Protein backbone atom coordinates (compact mmCIF):
# COMPACT_ATOMS: atom_id res chain seq x y z
CA MET A 1 0.01 -0.18 0.00
CA TYR A 2 1.13 3.71 -0.73
CA LEU A 3 0.36 7.16 0.49
CA GLY A 4 -0.74 9.79 -1.67
CA ILE A 5 -0.62 13.54 -1.00
CA GLU A 6 -2.56 16.21 -3.16
CA ILE A 7 -1.26 20.11 -2.33
CA GLY A 8 -3.24 22.67 -4.04
CA GLY A 9 -3.95 26.32 -3.67
CA THR A 10 -7.34 25.51 -1.86
CA LYS A 11 -7.43 22.19 -1.26
CA LEU A 12 -5.50 19.41 0.27
CA GLN A 13 -6.18 15.50 0.05
CA LEU A 14 -4.73 12.23 0.77
CA GLY A 15 -5.32 8.84 -0.08
CA ILE A 16 -4.21 5.24 0.51
CA GLY A 17 -4.14 2.83 -2.67
CA ALA A 18 -2.16 0.53 -3.88
CA GLY A 19 -1.37 2.45 -6.87
CA ASP A 20 -3.41 0.35 -9.63
CA GLY A 21 -6.31 3.30 -9.82
CA THR A 22 -8.58 2.30 -6.55
CA LEU A 23 -8.64 4.11 -2.89
CA HIS A 24 -8.94 2.37 -0.09
CA ALA A 25 -8.96 5.54 2.20
CA LEU A 26 -9.62 9.31 1.61
CA TRP A 27 -8.85 12.23 3.67
CA ARG A 28 -10.04 15.85 2.34
CA GLY A 29 -9.56 19.43 3.67
CA ALA A 30 -9.66 22.78 2.64
CA VAL A 31 -6.47 24.68 2.64
CA ASP A 32 -5.88 28.13 5.30
CA VAL A 33 -4.00 30.42 2.73
CA ALA A 34 -3.79 32.59 5.75
CA ARG A 35 -2.17 30.01 7.88
CA GLY A 36 0.74 29.71 4.44
CA ALA A 37 2.98 26.46 4.20
CA ASP A 38 3.02 26.07 8.03
CA GLY A 39 -0.61 25.13 8.19
CA ILE A 40 -0.45 22.69 5.39
CA ARG A 41 2.27 20.74 7.04
CA GLU A 42 0.25 20.51 10.21
CA GLN A 43 -3.05 19.41 8.72
CA ILE A 44 -0.51 16.27 6.57
CA GLU A 45 1.06 15.26 10.13
CA SER A 46 -2.98 15.03 11.63
CA ALA A 47 -4.73 13.70 8.48
CA VAL A 48 -1.95 11.05 8.16
CA PRO A 49 -3.60 9.03 11.47
CA GLU A 50 -6.76 9.79 10.85
CA LEU A 51 -6.60 8.08 7.00
CA MET A 52 -4.76 5.26 8.38
CA ARG A 53 -7.76 4.68 11.25
CA GLN A 54 -10.10 5.35 8.49
CA ALA A 55 -8.19 2.57 6.11
CA GLY A 56 -8.07 -0.13 9.09
CA SER A 57 -4.48 -0.16 9.07
CA ASP A 58 -1.04 1.50 10.13
CA ARG A 59 1.83 3.17 9.05
CA GLN A 60 3.73 -0.25 8.69
CA ALA A 61 1.75 -1.56 5.72
CA LEU A 62 2.90 1.27 3.78
CA LYS A 63 5.86 1.27 1.17
CA GLY A 64 6.14 4.84 0.22
CA VAL A 65 4.52 8.32 -0.24
CA GLY A 66 4.00 10.33 -3.66
CA ILE A 67 2.90 13.97 -3.74
CA GLY A 68 1.02 15.98 -6.09
CA PHE A 69 2.26 19.62 -5.55
CA GLY A 70 0.84 22.67 -7.06
CA GLY A 71 3.44 24.60 -8.35
CA PRO A 72 7.06 23.69 -10.07
CA VAL A 73 9.23 21.58 -8.60
CA ASP A 74 13.12 20.02 -8.73
CA ASP A 75 13.20 16.84 -10.07
CA ARG A 76 16.73 16.06 -8.78
CA THR A 77 16.48 18.16 -5.09
CA GLN A 78 13.01 16.99 -4.78
CA THR A 79 11.91 20.00 -3.57
CA VAL A 80 9.35 23.01 -4.33
CA ILE A 81 10.53 25.95 -6.35
CA LYS A 82 7.50 28.38 -5.68
CA SER A 83 3.95 28.09 -4.93
CA HIS A 84 1.64 31.05 -6.55
CA GLN A 85 -1.10 30.47 -4.21
CA ILE A 86 0.60 29.95 -1.03
CA GLU A 87 3.47 31.44 0.80
CA GLY A 88 6.13 29.58 2.92
CA TRP A 89 7.13 26.89 -0.31
CA ASP A 90 9.77 28.31 -1.66
CA ASN A 91 12.63 26.21 -2.03
CA PHE A 92 11.14 23.45 0.40
CA PRO A 93 12.60 19.98 0.61
CA LEU A 94 9.29 18.71 0.87
CA ALA A 95 10.25 15.03 -0.35
CA ALA A 96 12.44 14.87 2.23
CA TRP A 97 9.79 16.53 4.93
CA VAL A 98 7.52 13.74 3.80
CA SER A 99 10.21 11.16 4.53
CA ASP A 100 11.58 11.94 7.58
CA MET A 101 8.04 12.41 9.15
CA LEU A 102 6.54 9.16 7.99
CA SER A 103 10.27 7.08 7.54
CA LEU A 104 8.83 5.91 4.35
CA PRO A 105 10.32 6.97 0.80
CA ALA A 106 9.00 9.47 -0.91
CA SER A 107 8.73 11.21 -4.31
CA LEU A 108 7.57 14.83 -5.36
CA GLY A 109 6.14 15.79 -8.77
CA ASN A 110 4.10 18.69 -10.17
CA ASP A 111 0.53 18.14 -9.65
CA ALA A 112 -0.78 18.51 -13.28
CA ASP A 113 2.00 16.16 -14.29
CA VAL A 114 1.12 13.30 -11.70
CA ALA A 115 -2.82 14.24 -12.96
CA GLY A 116 -1.79 13.28 -16.51
CA LEU A 117 -0.14 10.25 -15.53
CA ALA A 118 -3.00 9.11 -13.51
CA GLU A 119 -5.14 9.81 -16.77
CA ALA A 120 -2.87 8.03 -18.98
CA LEU A 121 -2.48 4.48 -16.08
CA PHE A 122 -6.22 4.33 -15.32
CA GLY A 123 -8.31 7.48 -16.47
CA ALA A 124 -9.17 8.86 -20.30
CA GLY A 125 -5.89 8.40 -21.68
CA GLN A 126 -5.52 4.13 -21.19
CA GLY A 127 -3.30 2.27 -23.61
CA LEU A 128 -2.50 5.88 -25.63
CA SER A 129 0.87 7.63 -26.02
CA PRO A 130 1.93 10.34 -26.47
CA LEU A 131 -1.36 11.90 -24.21
CA PHE A 132 -1.31 15.04 -23.07
CA TYR A 133 -3.48 15.90 -20.15
CA VAL A 134 -4.71 19.68 -19.34
CA THR A 135 -6.18 21.08 -15.88
CA VAL A 136 -8.39 24.19 -16.62
CA GLY A 137 -9.42 26.02 -13.33
CA THR A 138 -8.01 28.74 -10.98
CA GLY A 139 -5.03 28.31 -13.37
CA ILE A 140 -4.02 26.02 -16.47
CA GLY A 141 -1.38 23.28 -16.27
CA GLY A 142 -0.34 20.92 -18.41
CA GLY A 143 1.21 17.32 -18.64
CA LEU A 144 3.06 14.99 -21.01
CA ILE A 145 3.11 11.50 -20.77
CA LEU A 146 5.27 9.16 -23.37
CA ASP A 147 4.67 5.65 -22.59
CA GLY A 148 2.98 5.82 -19.23
CA GLU A 149 5.70 7.91 -17.74
CA ILE A 150 5.63 11.77 -17.00
CA TYR A 151 8.07 13.81 -19.74
CA ARG A 152 9.80 16.27 -17.67
CA GLY A 153 12.16 18.35 -19.67
CA VAL A 154 15.54 18.73 -18.23
CA GLY A 155 13.84 18.20 -14.67
CA ARG A 156 12.30 21.43 -13.44
CA GLY A 157 8.88 20.86 -15.83
CA ALA A 158 7.59 20.54 -19.07
CA ALA A 159 4.06 20.85 -21.06
CA GLU A 160 3.64 24.30 -19.26
CA ILE A 161 0.89 25.46 -21.67
CA GLY A 162 -1.10 27.79 -19.37
CA HIS A 163 2.21 29.79 -19.92
CA LEU A 164 2.19 30.07 -23.48
CA ALA A 165 2.46 33.98 -24.57
CA VAL A 166 -1.26 34.73 -26.24
CA TRP A 167 -2.59 38.20 -27.36
CA HIS A 168 -6.10 39.63 -26.68
CA PHE A 169 -7.69 42.16 -28.52
CA SER A 170 -10.46 44.52 -26.79
CA SER A 171 -11.97 47.41 -28.15
CA HIS A 172 -9.81 50.09 -26.54
CA ALA A 173 -6.29 47.61 -26.16
CA ALA A 174 -4.00 44.68 -27.25
CA ARG A 175 -2.01 43.00 -24.55
CA ARG A 176 0.10 39.93 -24.41
CA GLY A 177 -0.21 37.39 -21.37
CA PRO A 178 -0.25 33.86 -20.44
CA LEU A 179 -2.79 31.64 -21.86
CA GLU A 180 -4.07 30.86 -18.14
CA SER A 181 -5.00 34.73 -17.90
CA LEU A 182 -7.58 34.59 -20.72
CA ALA A 183 -8.76 30.72 -20.62
CA SER A 184 -8.40 29.99 -16.71
CA GLY A 185 -11.51 30.43 -14.48
CA TRP A 186 -10.57 33.76 -13.45
CA GLY A 187 -9.59 34.51 -17.19
CA ILE A 188 -13.04 33.66 -17.76
CA VAL A 189 -14.10 36.34 -15.23
CA ALA A 190 -12.05 38.83 -15.96
CA THR A 191 -12.84 38.87 -19.73
CA ALA A 192 -16.69 38.97 -18.68
CA GLU A 193 -16.12 42.02 -16.16
CA GLU A 194 -14.25 43.81 -19.01
CA LEU A 195 -17.42 43.08 -21.22
CA LEU A 196 -19.64 43.97 -18.96
CA HIS A 197 -17.83 47.39 -18.43
CA GLU A 198 -17.63 48.19 -22.08
CA LYS A 199 -21.19 47.26 -22.99
CA HIS A 200 -22.47 49.12 -19.91
CA ASP A 201 -25.74 49.95 -21.58
CA LEU A 202 -26.71 46.63 -22.08
CA ASP A 203 -28.98 44.65 -19.91
CA CYS A 204 -28.60 40.96 -19.47
CA LEU A 205 -28.22 38.13 -17.23
CA LEU A 206 -24.86 38.25 -16.40
CA ARG A 207 -24.79 41.85 -14.97
CA HIS A 208 -28.11 40.93 -12.73
CA ILE A 209 -26.04 38.27 -11.44
CA GLN A 210 -22.88 40.60 -10.84
CA GLN A 211 -25.39 42.78 -9.14
CA THR A 212 -26.58 40.17 -6.87
CA LYS A 213 -23.39 38.59 -5.70
CA GLY A 214 -21.14 41.83 -6.11
CA LYS A 215 -18.51 39.02 -7.27
CA LEU A 216 -19.17 36.79 -10.27
CA THR A 217 -17.29 33.50 -10.83
CA ALA A 218 -16.86 31.13 -14.01
CA GLN A 219 -19.84 29.05 -12.79
CA ASP A 220 -21.51 32.21 -12.89
CA VAL A 221 -20.47 33.02 -16.06
CA ALA A 222 -21.45 29.33 -17.57
CA ASP A 223 -24.99 29.63 -16.11
CA ALA A 224 -25.46 32.76 -17.68
CA ALA A 225 -24.46 30.71 -20.86
CA ARG A 226 -26.86 28.05 -20.43
CA HIS A 227 -29.40 30.84 -20.61
CA HIS A 228 -28.08 32.01 -23.92
CA ASP A 229 -27.14 35.26 -22.14
CA PRO A 230 -25.37 37.20 -25.15
CA LEU A 231 -22.24 38.40 -23.31
CA ALA A 232 -21.42 35.55 -21.34
CA ARG A 233 -21.53 33.70 -24.54
CA GLU A 234 -19.03 35.72 -25.65
CA ALA A 235 -16.70 36.01 -22.85
CA LEU A 236 -16.60 32.22 -22.78
CA HIS A 237 -15.51 32.13 -26.64
CA THR A 238 -13.14 34.57 -26.07
CA ALA A 239 -11.84 32.08 -23.56
CA LEU A 240 -12.50 29.06 -25.52
CA GLU A 241 -10.71 30.56 -28.59
CA GLU A 242 -7.61 31.30 -27.29
CA PHE A 243 -7.57 28.07 -25.56
CA ALA A 244 -7.77 26.08 -29.14
CA LEU A 245 -5.16 28.25 -30.45
CA GLY A 246 -3.07 27.41 -27.23
CA LEU A 247 -4.10 23.98 -28.33
CA CYS A 248 -3.50 23.89 -31.71
CA GLN A 249 0.29 24.86 -30.72
CA VAL A 250 0.41 21.98 -28.73
CA ILE A 251 -0.50 19.67 -31.34
CA ALA A 252 1.59 21.02 -33.94
CA LEU A 253 4.57 20.89 -31.74
CA LEU A 254 3.92 17.08 -30.19
CA CYS A 255 0.76 15.68 -32.15
CA PRO A 256 -0.17 13.64 -29.22
CA ARG A 257 -3.00 11.08 -29.78
CA ARG A 258 -5.21 12.47 -27.47
CA ILE A 259 -6.04 15.72 -25.12
CA VAL A 260 -7.27 14.73 -21.86
CA ILE A 261 -9.07 18.26 -20.38
CA GLY A 262 -9.61 17.69 -16.52
CA GLY A 263 -10.18 20.82 -14.25
CA GLY A 264 -13.66 22.54 -12.83
CA VAL A 265 -13.98 25.26 -15.72
CA SER A 266 -13.99 22.13 -17.75
CA LEU A 267 -17.27 20.52 -15.78
CA MET A 268 -19.06 22.94 -18.09
CA GLY A 269 -19.41 20.11 -20.26
CA GLU A 270 -19.73 19.27 -23.86
CA GLU A 271 -22.43 21.80 -24.86
CA LEU A 272 -20.49 25.24 -23.57
CA PHE A 273 -17.05 23.61 -23.28
CA PHE A 274 -15.88 20.72 -25.02
CA GLY A 275 -18.14 20.48 -28.37
CA PRO A 276 -17.22 24.62 -29.09
CA LEU A 277 -13.32 23.56 -28.22
CA ARG A 278 -13.44 20.70 -30.86
CA LYS A 279 -15.15 22.72 -33.74
CA LEU A 280 -12.49 25.64 -32.59
CA VAL A 281 -9.59 23.49 -32.89
CA ALA A 282 -10.50 21.90 -35.89
CA ARG A 283 -10.34 25.72 -37.76
CA HIS A 284 -7.01 26.40 -36.26
CA VAL A 285 -5.17 23.31 -36.15
CA PHE A 286 -1.89 22.34 -38.75
CA PRO A 287 -4.13 20.70 -41.65
CA PRO A 288 -1.73 17.48 -41.77
CA PHE A 289 -2.45 16.99 -38.61
CA THR A 290 -6.38 16.81 -38.81
CA ASP A 291 -7.96 14.12 -36.97
CA CYS A 292 -4.90 13.22 -35.33
CA THR A 293 -5.75 14.06 -31.56
CA ASP A 294 -9.12 13.39 -30.24
CA ILE A 295 -9.90 15.73 -27.39
CA VAL A 296 -12.16 14.11 -24.23
CA PRO A 297 -12.79 15.04 -20.55
CA ALA A 298 -10.69 13.73 -18.08
CA ALA A 299 -12.33 10.31 -16.26
CA LEU A 300 -10.86 10.15 -12.80
CA GLY A 301 -12.32 13.52 -11.13
CA GLU A 302 -11.54 15.43 -8.05
CA GLU A 303 -9.00 12.65 -6.75
CA VAL A 304 -6.73 12.63 -10.10
CA VAL A 305 -3.84 13.72 -8.25
CA VAL A 306 -4.31 11.20 -5.76
CA HIS A 307 -4.48 8.83 -7.92
CA GLY A 308 -1.51 9.71 -9.83
CA ALA A 309 0.60 10.44 -6.55
CA LEU A 310 0.00 7.04 -5.69
CA ALA A 311 1.06 5.77 -8.82
CA LEU A 312 4.47 7.95 -8.56
CA ALA A 313 5.12 5.90 -5.58
CA ARG A 314 4.69 2.59 -6.55
CA GLY A 315 7.10 3.65 -9.60
CA GLN A 316 9.61 4.77 -7.27
CA GLU A 317 9.62 1.33 -5.38
CA SER A 318 9.63 -0.97 -8.73
CA ALA A 319 12.49 1.72 -9.57
CA LYS A 320 14.32 1.17 -6.58
CA ASN A 321 13.81 -2.62 -6.78
CA LYS A 322 15.31 -3.27 -10.40
CA GLU A 323 18.02 -0.95 -9.20
CA GLN A 324 19.07 -3.79 -6.29
CA PRO A 325 21.70 -6.36 -7.28
CA ARG A 326 20.37 -9.35 -7.85
CA ASN A 327 21.54 -11.90 -5.00
CA ARG A 328 24.10 -14.43 -6.32
CA ALA A 329 23.65 -18.07 -5.49
């Protein structure tokens, strides 16, 4: 059995499983941003014994730990490089800390990478390679999986689709920024608010939602779009067009067999998200690569990073066993 840990900007999850796509126990908690990294580490320390009780087991049954962290990590040193949401993680030796706490080997990976690994092994990408995974939520992350292995470039990450540079043109200005500034959840909201400001005389459902709630969310934009609100539809179209162009760059460079998309924004579903996205990609993709790559929803839900972390731990143990010299007769 293995322990898998997901550390995100808003969510903390721990799971126990065999690293084969099944979970025996799961612990989930919210991150207190104000308490920073110290608060998350305290949560982990208290959650482990609770999780073991839930699983009806003890630490002796665990063989290793995998960690999916919401930010860039260094493969060589197994440290966090930085968190863009939570203070206190810069250059932190997270794998070593977990290993010391539990007296177990620990392996650290970026959360989008390990989520992609899980989808490749157990989810919507089983048996397919190359597989490109994208999570679209508060930000946009990516992972490239080749024959069941995470591709990490020189060891500090790769497949960072959310940081592709794109141009955004509005009625009064043009600006360049990362893809996630337009196509993530907060990017969609920013575009919707910009449109509300530009079209201040337009009476629409989205404006009524904003006036009622005070602050919009991507879910509000989606809800208004389902009711055929023109401004919400325009905001979503802008985001999906930019996202499609980003995916077309991925296809031009990598030509993956499948692109799997997860994250909260993707839960808008077929009508609002996947259907329009596929049409936009088909319109802009490099013609010789037309029909080479299909685009599908992720299959493993909210526990995808935990599944990937467990697979990471299992893979670490397998690699270690292969490295050990065989006993001579």
